[in-house]
Amino acid sequence: MTIGITSQQLLRGKKLHEHLLFDFDTRVGHVRSYLGNMFPSLKLDIHSLEDACGPAITKPQLQAIVVSSETLAGALKINEIRKERGMSSLAIVVVERRDAVILSSSFIRQQLHDRSVPN
């Protein structure tokens, strides 16, 4: 499984509760730990995302991409670039965000901040 994790450089624009952001190595460790516990035999190929496309436009063997509804436009752009480069399109799996299931790191940091502020 190929996984892209946002680089420190791309996170520089994330100002919402910036002090709650983990560094890149810590985030990689958390992903490895979680997936290792859930799927011990899964081989992970983790990349630092230095741009919006990451390895999705350079690895022709990839078959699918998982995105949130907010990042669907990026997945469509990735497929355009792949087509221009003679690669097959990726199947796009869209995870719809709801308050109960949020993928956004900004949302999670907001929740952590809200819990730490006394009423």
Protein backbone atom coordinates (compact mmCIF):
# COMPACT_ATOMS: atom_id res chain seq x y z
CA MET A 1 0.00 0.00 0.00
CA THR A 2 1.37 3.38 -1.01
CA ILE A 3 0.61 6.17 1.45
CA GLY A 4 1.33 9.87 1.09
CA ILE A 5 1.84 11.89 4.25
CA THR A 6 1.97 15.68 4.03
CA SER A 7 5.48 17.09 4.33
CA GLN A 8 6.44 19.71 6.89
CA GLN A 9 6.82 22.17 3.98
CA LEU A 10 3.18 21.72 2.88
CA LEU A 11 1.97 22.04 6.47
CA ARG A 12 3.42 25.53 6.80
CA GLY A 13 0.09 26.94 5.63
CA LYS A 14 -1.83 25.18 8.42
CA LYS A 15 -2.21 27.88 11.05
CA LEU A 16 -5.17 26.49 13.00
CA HIS A 17 -3.70 25.32 16.32
CA GLU A 18 -0.31 24.82 14.71
CA HIS A 19 1.18 23.83 18.07
CA LEU A 20 -0.86 20.61 17.91
CA LEU A 21 0.76 19.44 14.66
CA PHE A 22 3.05 16.45 14.96
CA ASP A 23 6.30 16.48 13.01
CA PHE A 24 6.59 14.31 9.89
CA ASP A 25 8.46 11.41 11.54
CA THR A 26 5.91 11.21 14.35
CA ARG A 27 3.02 11.14 11.87
CA VAL A 28 4.76 8.39 9.87
CA GLY A 29 5.25 6.43 13.09
CA HIS A 30 1.57 6.75 13.99
CA VAL A 31 0.49 5.54 10.54
CA ARG A 32 2.92 2.60 10.67
CA SER A 33 1.78 1.69 14.18
CA TYR A 34 -1.94 1.88 13.40
CA LEU A 35 -1.78 -0.03 10.13
CA GLY A 36 0.72 -2.51 11.59
CA ASN A 37 -1.75 -3.32 14.37
CA MET A 38 -4.72 -3.53 12.03
CA PHE A 39 -3.04 -5.32 9.11
CA PRO A 40 0.27 -6.86 10.28
CA SER A 41 1.17 -8.38 6.90
CA LEU A 42 0.51 -5.19 4.90
CA LYS A 43 3.61 -3.83 3.16
CA LEU A 44 3.72 -0.03 3.45
CA ASP A 45 5.37 2.31 0.95
CA ILE A 46 5.20 5.71 2.67
CA HIS A 47 6.05 8.92 0.82
CA SER A 48 6.43 12.51 1.91
CA LEU A 49 3.94 14.62 -0.04
CA GLU A 50 5.88 17.62 -1.31
CA ASP A 51 3.03 18.69 -3.63
CA ALA A 52 -0.66 17.93 -4.16
CA CYS A 53 -0.02 14.96 -6.46
CA GLY A 54 2.76 13.01 -4.79
CA PRO A 55 3.63 9.57 -6.17
CA ALA A 56 0.20 9.22 -7.80
CA ILE A 57 1.54 10.85 -10.98
CA THR A 58 4.85 8.97 -11.09
CA LYS A 59 3.92 5.39 -10.13
CA PRO A 60 2.06 3.74 -13.01
CA GLN A 61 1.36 0.58 -10.96
CA LEU A 62 -1.01 2.41 -8.58
CA GLN A 63 -4.65 1.41 -9.03
CA ALA A 64 -6.73 3.58 -6.69
CA ILE A 65 -6.66 6.74 -4.61
CA VAL A 66 -8.66 7.46 -1.45
CA VAL A 67 -9.67 11.08 -0.93
CA SER A 68 -12.11 13.12 1.12
CA SER A 69 -14.95 14.93 -0.62
CA GLU A 70 -12.92 18.15 -0.20
CA THR A 71 -9.95 16.74 -2.11
CA LEU A 72 -11.87 15.07 -4.95
CA ALA A 73 -10.84 17.83 -7.39
CA GLY A 74 -7.20 16.95 -6.70
CA ALA A 75 -7.82 13.28 -7.55
CA LEU A 76 -9.49 14.29 -10.82
CA LYS A 77 -6.46 16.45 -11.66
CA ILE A 78 -4.15 13.54 -10.84
CA ASN A 79 -6.06 11.36 -13.30
CA GLU A 80 -5.72 14.06 -15.98
CA ILE A 81 -1.96 14.16 -15.46
CA ARG A 82 -1.72 10.35 -15.46
CA LYS A 83 -3.61 10.24 -18.77
CA GLU A 84 -1.25 12.86 -20.27
CA ARG A 85 1.67 10.67 -19.20
CA GLY A 86 0.19 7.52 -20.71
CA MET A 87 -0.79 5.93 -17.40
CA SER A 88 -4.14 4.38 -16.52
CA SER A 89 -6.60 6.37 -14.45
CA LEU A 90 -6.89 5.62 -10.76
CA ALA A 91 -10.14 4.38 -9.28
CA ILE A 92 -11.23 7.20 -6.98
CA VAL A 93 -12.67 6.26 -3.59
CA VAL A 94 -14.32 9.24 -1.95
CA VAL A 95 -14.80 9.18 1.81
CA GLU A 96 -17.66 11.54 2.62
CA ARG A 97 -16.94 13.65 5.68
CA ARG A 98 -19.49 13.98 8.43
CA ASP A 99 -19.10 15.42 11.91
CA ALA A 100 -18.85 11.90 13.34
CA VAL A 101 -16.16 10.82 10.89
CA ILE A 102 -13.77 13.62 10.05
CA LEU A 103 -10.49 13.07 8.19
CA SER A 104 -9.39 16.69 8.44
CA SER A 105 -6.35 17.31 10.60
CA SER A 106 -7.60 20.89 11.12
CA PHE A 107 -10.90 19.56 12.52
CA ILE A 108 -9.06 17.14 14.82
CA ARG A 109 -6.74 19.90 16.10
CA GLN A 110 -9.77 22.12 16.74
CA GLN A 111 -11.39 19.34 18.78
CA LEU A 112 -8.17 18.80 20.78
CA HIS A 113 -7.92 22.52 21.43
CA ASP A 114 -11.59 22.78 22.49
CA ARG A 115 -11.15 19.92 24.95
CA SER A 116 -8.11 21.58 26.53
CA VAL A 117 -9.79 24.96 27.08
CA PRO A 118 -11.60 25.22 30.45
CA ASN A 119 -15.31 26.04 30.25
